[in-house]
């Protein structure tokens, strides 16, 4: 997993947008099925494009281009005036729309606790379990290297220093 170089604390909305971007489609669907259909206006319809992914040598060194990644983004406004945005990895327009809708609903007092309990908490648990599974899998391939200390003495003759 990539680690953020910027250690500044995330706002509450940034934290939930980060979770929504990684939420599986089936979890988004099941949570949003509990909410009455919301009328919405598109600020930006779902569209797919490419982002250049950059890395840093050692996590803190100079930047370099790793490659491109497909991303889908969209923005919508609910009839109550709340706007929601989403950027997700991949080309799923439906998933981006649902993530933007969840973002908008999380900003309303009426649906916030429902979306937190039925979507954010389960997705956080799912993502944590996925991370732990990857860490366990990686741990099984760990190789411990050790150094054998050379004995004192002349390496050419094998004679020891007295």
C-alpha atoms as a PDB file:
ATOM      1  CA  UNK A   1       0.000   0.000   0.000  1.00  0.00           C
ATOM      2  CA  UNK A   2       1.138   3.528  -0.612  1.00  0.00           C
ATOM      3  CA  UNK A   3       1.716   5.769   2.347  1.00  0.00           C
ATOM      4  CA  UNK A   4       0.939   9.446   2.280  1.00  0.00           C
ATOM      5  CA  UNK A   5       3.965  11.709   2.472  1.00  0.00           C
ATOM      6  CA  UNK A   6       1.792  14.574   3.646  1.00  0.00           C
ATOM      7  CA  UNK A   7       1.104  13.997   7.328  1.00  0.00           C
ATOM      8  CA  UNK A   8      -1.447  16.779   7.704  1.00  0.00           C
ATOM      9  CA  UNK A   9      -4.691  15.542   9.275  1.00  0.00           C
ATOM     10  CA  UNK A  10      -7.578  14.840   6.928  1.00  0.00           C
ATOM     11  CA  UNK A  11     -10.902  16.582   7.382  1.00  0.00           C
ATOM     12  CA  UNK A  12     -13.913  14.440   8.161  1.00  0.00           C
ATOM     13  CA  UNK A  13     -15.219  14.773   4.611  1.00  0.00           C
ATOM     14  CA  UNK A  14     -11.825  13.869   3.123  1.00  0.00           C
ATOM     15  CA  UNK A  15     -11.809  10.713   5.263  1.00  0.00           C
ATOM     16  CA  UNK A  16     -15.234   9.558   4.079  1.00  0.00           C
ATOM     17  CA  UNK A  17     -14.518  10.425   0.428  1.00  0.00           C
ATOM     18  CA  UNK A  18     -11.391   8.275   0.723  1.00  0.00           C
ATOM     19  CA  UNK A  19     -13.495   5.378   2.052  1.00  0.00           C
ATOM     20  CA  UNK A  20     -16.230   5.851  -0.575  1.00  0.00           C
ATOM     21  CA  UNK A  21     -13.638   5.805  -3.365  1.00  0.00           C
ATOM     22  CA  UNK A  22     -12.572   2.317  -2.287  1.00  0.00           C
ATOM     23  CA  UNK A  23     -16.026   0.958  -1.410  1.00  0.00           C
ATOM     24  CA  UNK A  24     -17.152  -2.104  -3.392  1.00  0.00           C
ATOM     25  CA  UNK A  25     -20.185  -1.579  -5.602  1.00  0.00           C
ATOM     26  CA  UNK A  26     -22.358  -4.129  -3.782  1.00  0.00           C
ATOM     27  CA  UNK A  27     -21.817  -2.368  -0.435  1.00  0.00           C
ATOM     28  CA  UNK A  28     -22.725   0.997  -1.949  1.00  0.00           C
ATOM     29  CA  UNK A  29     -25.867  -0.463  -3.517  1.00  0.00           C
ATOM     30  CA  UNK A  30     -27.096  -2.152  -0.342  1.00  0.00           C
ATOM     31  CA  UNK A  31     -26.613   0.968   1.810  1.00  0.00           C
ATOM     32  CA  UNK A  32     -28.164   3.376  -0.696  1.00  0.00           C
ATOM     33  CA  UNK A  33     -31.160   1.059  -1.168  1.00  0.00           C
ATOM     34  CA  UNK A  34     -32.243   2.104   2.353  1.00  0.00           C
ATOM     35  CA  UNK A  35     -32.506   5.766   1.304  1.00  0.00           C
ATOM     36  CA  UNK A  36     -35.527   7.082  -0.631  1.00  0.00           C
ATOM     37  CA  UNK A  37     -34.734   8.048  -4.209  1.00  0.00           C
ATOM     38  CA  UNK A  38     -33.211  11.515  -4.263  1.00  0.00           C
ATOM     39  CA  UNK A  39     -33.762  13.897  -7.154  1.00  0.00           C
ATOM     40  CA  UNK A  40     -30.447  15.184  -8.413  1.00  0.00           C
ATOM     41  CA  UNK A  41     -28.921  17.501 -10.937  1.00  0.00           C
ATOM     42  CA  UNK A  42     -25.653  16.613 -12.599  1.00  0.00           C
ATOM     43  CA  UNK A  43     -22.867  19.105 -12.076  1.00  0.00           C
ATOM     44  CA  UNK A  44     -20.570  16.747 -13.961  1.00  0.00           C
ATOM     45  CA  UNK A  45     -21.806  13.482 -15.426  1.00  0.00           C
ATOM     46  CA  UNK A  46     -19.635  10.416 -14.803  1.00  0.00           C
ATOM     47  CA  UNK A  47     -16.620  10.450 -17.114  1.00  0.00           C
ATOM     48  CA  UNK A  48     -13.546   8.252 -17.285  1.00  0.00           C
ATOM     49  CA  UNK A  49     -10.039   9.445 -17.901  1.00  0.00           C
ATOM     50  CA  UNK A  50      -6.422   8.846 -16.997  1.00  0.00           C
ATOM     51  CA  UNK A  51      -4.347  10.111 -14.072  1.00  0.00           C
ATOM     52  CA  UNK A  52      -0.575  10.014 -14.060  1.00  0.00           C
ATOM     53  CA  UNK A  53       0.518   8.137 -10.960  1.00  0.00           C
ATOM     54  CA  UNK A  54       3.716   9.381  -9.361  1.00  0.00           C
ATOM     55  CA  UNK A  55       5.969   7.737  -6.824  1.00  0.00           C
ATOM     56  CA  UNK A  56       8.843   8.908  -4.691  1.00  0.00           C
ATOM     57  CA  UNK A  57      12.164   7.177  -4.220  1.00  0.00           C
ATOM     58  CA  UNK A  58      12.104   5.799  -0.683  1.00  0.00           C
ATOM     59  CA  UNK A  59       8.733   7.451  -0.115  1.00  0.00           C
ATOM     60  CA  UNK A  60      10.279  10.884   0.410  1.00  0.00           C
ATOM     61  CA  UNK A  61      12.755  11.375  -2.458  1.00  0.00           C
ATOM     62  CA  UNK A  62      12.347  12.844  -5.910  1.00  0.00           C
ATOM     63  CA  UNK A  63       9.127  12.170  -7.792  1.00  0.00           C
ATOM     64  CA  UNK A  64       8.987   9.895 -10.801  1.00  0.00           C
ATOM     65  CA  UNK A  65       6.133   8.792 -13.071  1.00  0.00           C
ATOM     66  CA  UNK A  66       5.018   5.228 -12.337  1.00  0.00           C
ATOM     67  CA  UNK A  67       2.344   5.039 -15.017  1.00  0.00           C
ATOM     68  CA  UNK A  68      -1.243   5.905 -15.798  1.00  0.00           C
ATOM     69  CA  UNK A  69      -4.378   4.851 -13.958  1.00  0.00           C
ATOM     70  CA  UNK A  70      -7.996   4.910 -15.163  1.00  0.00           C
ATOM     71  CA  UNK A  71     -10.247   7.051 -12.960  1.00  0.00           C
ATOM     72  CA  UNK A  72     -13.940   7.922 -13.151  1.00  0.00           C
ATOM     73  CA  UNK A  73     -15.248  11.139 -11.640  1.00  0.00           C
ATOM     74  CA  UNK A  74     -18.600  12.848 -11.250  1.00  0.00           C
ATOM     75  CA  UNK A  75     -20.383  15.532  -9.264  1.00  0.00           C
ATOM     76  CA  UNK A  76     -24.074  15.945  -8.489  1.00  0.00           C
ATOM     77  CA  UNK A  77     -26.364  18.197  -6.481  1.00  0.00           C
ATOM     78  CA  UNK A  78     -29.366  16.966  -4.512  1.00  0.00           C
ATOM     79  CA  UNK A  79     -32.664  18.842  -4.490  1.00  0.00           C
ATOM     80  CA  UNK A  80     -31.816  20.089  -0.959  1.00  0.00           C
ATOM     81  CA  UNK A  81     -28.749  21.863  -2.423  1.00  0.00           C
ATOM     82  CA  UNK A  82     -26.045  19.518  -1.128  1.00  0.00           C
ATOM     83  CA  UNK A  83     -23.332  18.644  -3.641  1.00  0.00           C
ATOM     84  CA  UNK A  84     -21.488  15.327  -3.737  1.00  0.00           C
ATOM     85  CA  UNK A  85     -18.345  14.376  -5.637  1.00  0.00           C
ATOM     86  CA  UNK A  86     -16.530  11.127  -6.340  1.00  0.00           C
ATOM     87  CA  UNK A  87     -13.280   9.990  -7.908  1.00  0.00           C
ATOM     88  CA  UNK A  88     -12.938   6.221  -8.156  1.00  0.00           C
ATOM     89  CA  UNK A  89     -10.390   3.877  -9.670  1.00  0.00           C
ATOM     90  CA  UNK A  90     -11.626   2.175 -12.820  1.00  0.00           C
ATOM     91  CA  UNK A  91     -14.404   2.815 -15.324  1.00  0.00           C
ATOM     92  CA  UNK A  92     -17.572   2.114 -13.322  1.00  0.00           C
ATOM     93  CA  UNK A  93     -19.866   5.068 -13.900  1.00  0.00           C
ATOM     94  CA  UNK A  94     -22.496   3.485 -11.637  1.00  0.00           C
ATOM     95  CA  UNK A  95     -20.060   3.134  -8.738  1.00  0.00           C
ATOM     96  CA  UNK A  96     -18.888   6.752  -9.140  1.00  0.00           C
ATOM     97  CA  UNK A  97     -22.501   7.950  -9.153  1.00  0.00           C
ATOM     98  CA  UNK A  98     -23.291   6.003  -5.983  1.00  0.00           C
ATOM     99  CA  UNK A  99     -20.160   7.290  -4.222  1.00  0.00           C
ATOM    100  CA  UNK A 100     -21.077  10.891  -5.116  1.00  0.00           C
ATOM    101  CA  UNK A 101     -24.637  10.329  -3.887  1.00  0.00           C
ATOM    102  CA  UNK A 102     -23.321   8.898  -0.600  1.00  0.00           C
ATOM    103  CA  UNK A 103     -21.001  11.914  -0.238  1.00  0.00           C
ATOM    104  CA  UNK A 104     -23.937  14.278  -0.671  1.00  0.00           C
ATOM    105  CA  UNK A 105     -26.119  12.301   1.770  1.00  0.00           C
ATOM    106  CA  UNK A 106     -23.368  12.299   4.400  1.00  0.00           C
ATOM    107  CA  UNK A 107     -23.516  16.094   4.377  1.00  0.00           C
ATOM    108  CA  UNK A 108     -27.215  16.113   5.313  1.00  0.00           C
ATOM    109  CA  UNK A 109     -28.383  15.816   8.922  1.00  0.00           C
ATOM    110  CA  UNK A 110     -31.263  13.549   7.878  1.00  0.00           C
ATOM    111  CA  UNK A 111     -29.227  10.700   6.345  1.00  0.00           C
ATOM    112  CA  UNK A 112     -25.763  11.103   7.852  1.00  0.00           C
ATOM    113  CA  UNK A 113     -26.055   8.592  10.688  1.00  0.00           C
ATOM    114  CA  UNK A 114     -27.782   6.048   8.434  1.00  0.00           C
ATOM    115  CA  UNK A 115     -25.019   6.214   5.802  1.00  0.00           C
ATOM    116  CA  UNK A 116     -22.271   6.157   8.466  1.00  0.00           C
ATOM    117  CA  UNK A 117     -23.753   3.040  10.110  1.00  0.00           C
ATOM    118  CA  UNK A 118     -24.769   1.116   6.990  1.00  0.00           C
ATOM    119  CA  UNK A 119     -21.943   2.092   4.652  1.00  0.00           C
ATOM    120  CA  UNK A 120     -18.868   3.760   6.153  1.00  0.00           C
ATOM    121  CA  UNK A 121     -18.416   1.442   9.141  1.00  0.00           C
ATOM    122  CA  UNK A 122     -18.858  -1.814   7.155  1.00  0.00           C
ATOM    123  CA  UNK A 123     -16.596  -0.559   4.346  1.00  0.00           C
ATOM    124  CA  UNK A 124     -13.924   0.475   6.860  1.00  0.00           C
ATOM    125  CA  UNK A 125     -14.094  -3.001   8.396  1.00  0.00           C
ATOM    126  CA  UNK A 126     -13.897  -4.623   4.965  1.00  0.00           C
ATOM    127  CA  UNK A 127     -10.906  -2.483   3.935  1.00  0.00           C
ATOM    128  CA  UNK A 128      -9.088  -3.146   7.232  1.00  0.00           C
ATOM    129  CA  UNK A 129      -9.609  -6.898   6.853  1.00  0.00           C
ATOM    130  CA  UNK A 130      -8.396  -6.731   3.243  1.00  0.00           C
ATOM    131  CA  UNK A 131      -5.263  -4.850   4.357  1.00  0.00           C
ATOM    132  CA  UNK A 132      -4.577  -7.381   7.119  1.00  0.00           C
ATOM    133  CA  UNK A 133      -5.034 -10.275   4.692  1.00  0.00           C
ATOM    134  CA  UNK A 134      -2.546  -8.701   2.277  1.00  0.00           C
ATOM    135  CA  UNK A 135      -0.079  -8.128   5.131  1.00  0.00           C
ATOM    136  CA  UNK A 136      -0.385 -11.774   6.265  1.00  0.00           C
ATOM    137  CA  UNK A 137       0.104 -12.969   2.691  1.00  0.00           C
ATOM    138  CA  UNK A 138       3.174 -10.756   2.262  1.00  0.00           C
ATOM    139  CA  UNK A 139       4.562 -11.933   5.608  1.00  0.00           C
ATOM    140  CA  UNK A 140       4.628 -15.525   4.358  1.00  0.00           C
ATOM    141  CA  UNK A 141       7.090 -14.496   1.635  1.00  0.00           C
ATOM    142  CA  UNK A 142       9.405 -12.606   3.992  1.00  0.00           C
ATOM    143  CA  UNK A 143      13.066 -13.520   3.770  1.00  0.00           C
ATOM    144  CA  UNK A 144      15.354 -12.805   6.700  1.00  0.00           C
ATOM    145  CA  UNK A 145      18.894 -12.007   5.642  1.00  0.00           C
ATOM    146  CA  UNK A 146      21.763 -12.281   8.050  1.00  0.00           C
ATOM    147  CA  UNK A 147      25.469 -11.590   7.861  1.00  0.00           C
ATOM    148  CA  UNK A 148      28.066 -14.136   8.826  1.00  0.00           C
ATOM    149  CA  UNK A 149      30.950 -12.386  10.562  1.00  0.00           C
ATOM    150  CA  UNK A 150      34.328 -13.244   9.103  1.00  0.00           C
ATOM    151  CA  UNK A 151      36.818 -14.556  11.624  1.00  0.00           C
ATOM    152  CA  UNK A 152      39.766 -12.364  12.470  1.00  0.00           C
ATOM    153  CA  UNK A 153      42.977 -13.071  10.625  1.00  0.00           C
ATOM    154  CA  UNK A 154      44.606 -12.730   7.246  1.00  0.00           C
ATOM    155  CA  UNK A 155      42.089 -13.795   4.623  1.00  0.00           C
ATOM    156  CA  UNK A 156      44.836 -14.934   2.244  1.00  0.00           C
ATOM    157  CA  UNK A 157      46.804 -17.214   4.564  1.00  0.00           C
ATOM    158  CA  UNK A 158      44.182 -18.146   7.051  1.00  0.00           C
ATOM    159  CA  UNK A 159      46.603 -17.267   9.852  1.00  0.00           C
ATOM    160  CA  UNK A 160      45.168 -15.525  12.829  1.00  0.00           C
ATOM    161  CA  UNK A 161      46.539 -12.317  14.302  1.00  0.00           C
ATOM    162  CA  UNK A 162      48.338 -12.930  17.541  1.00  0.00           C
END
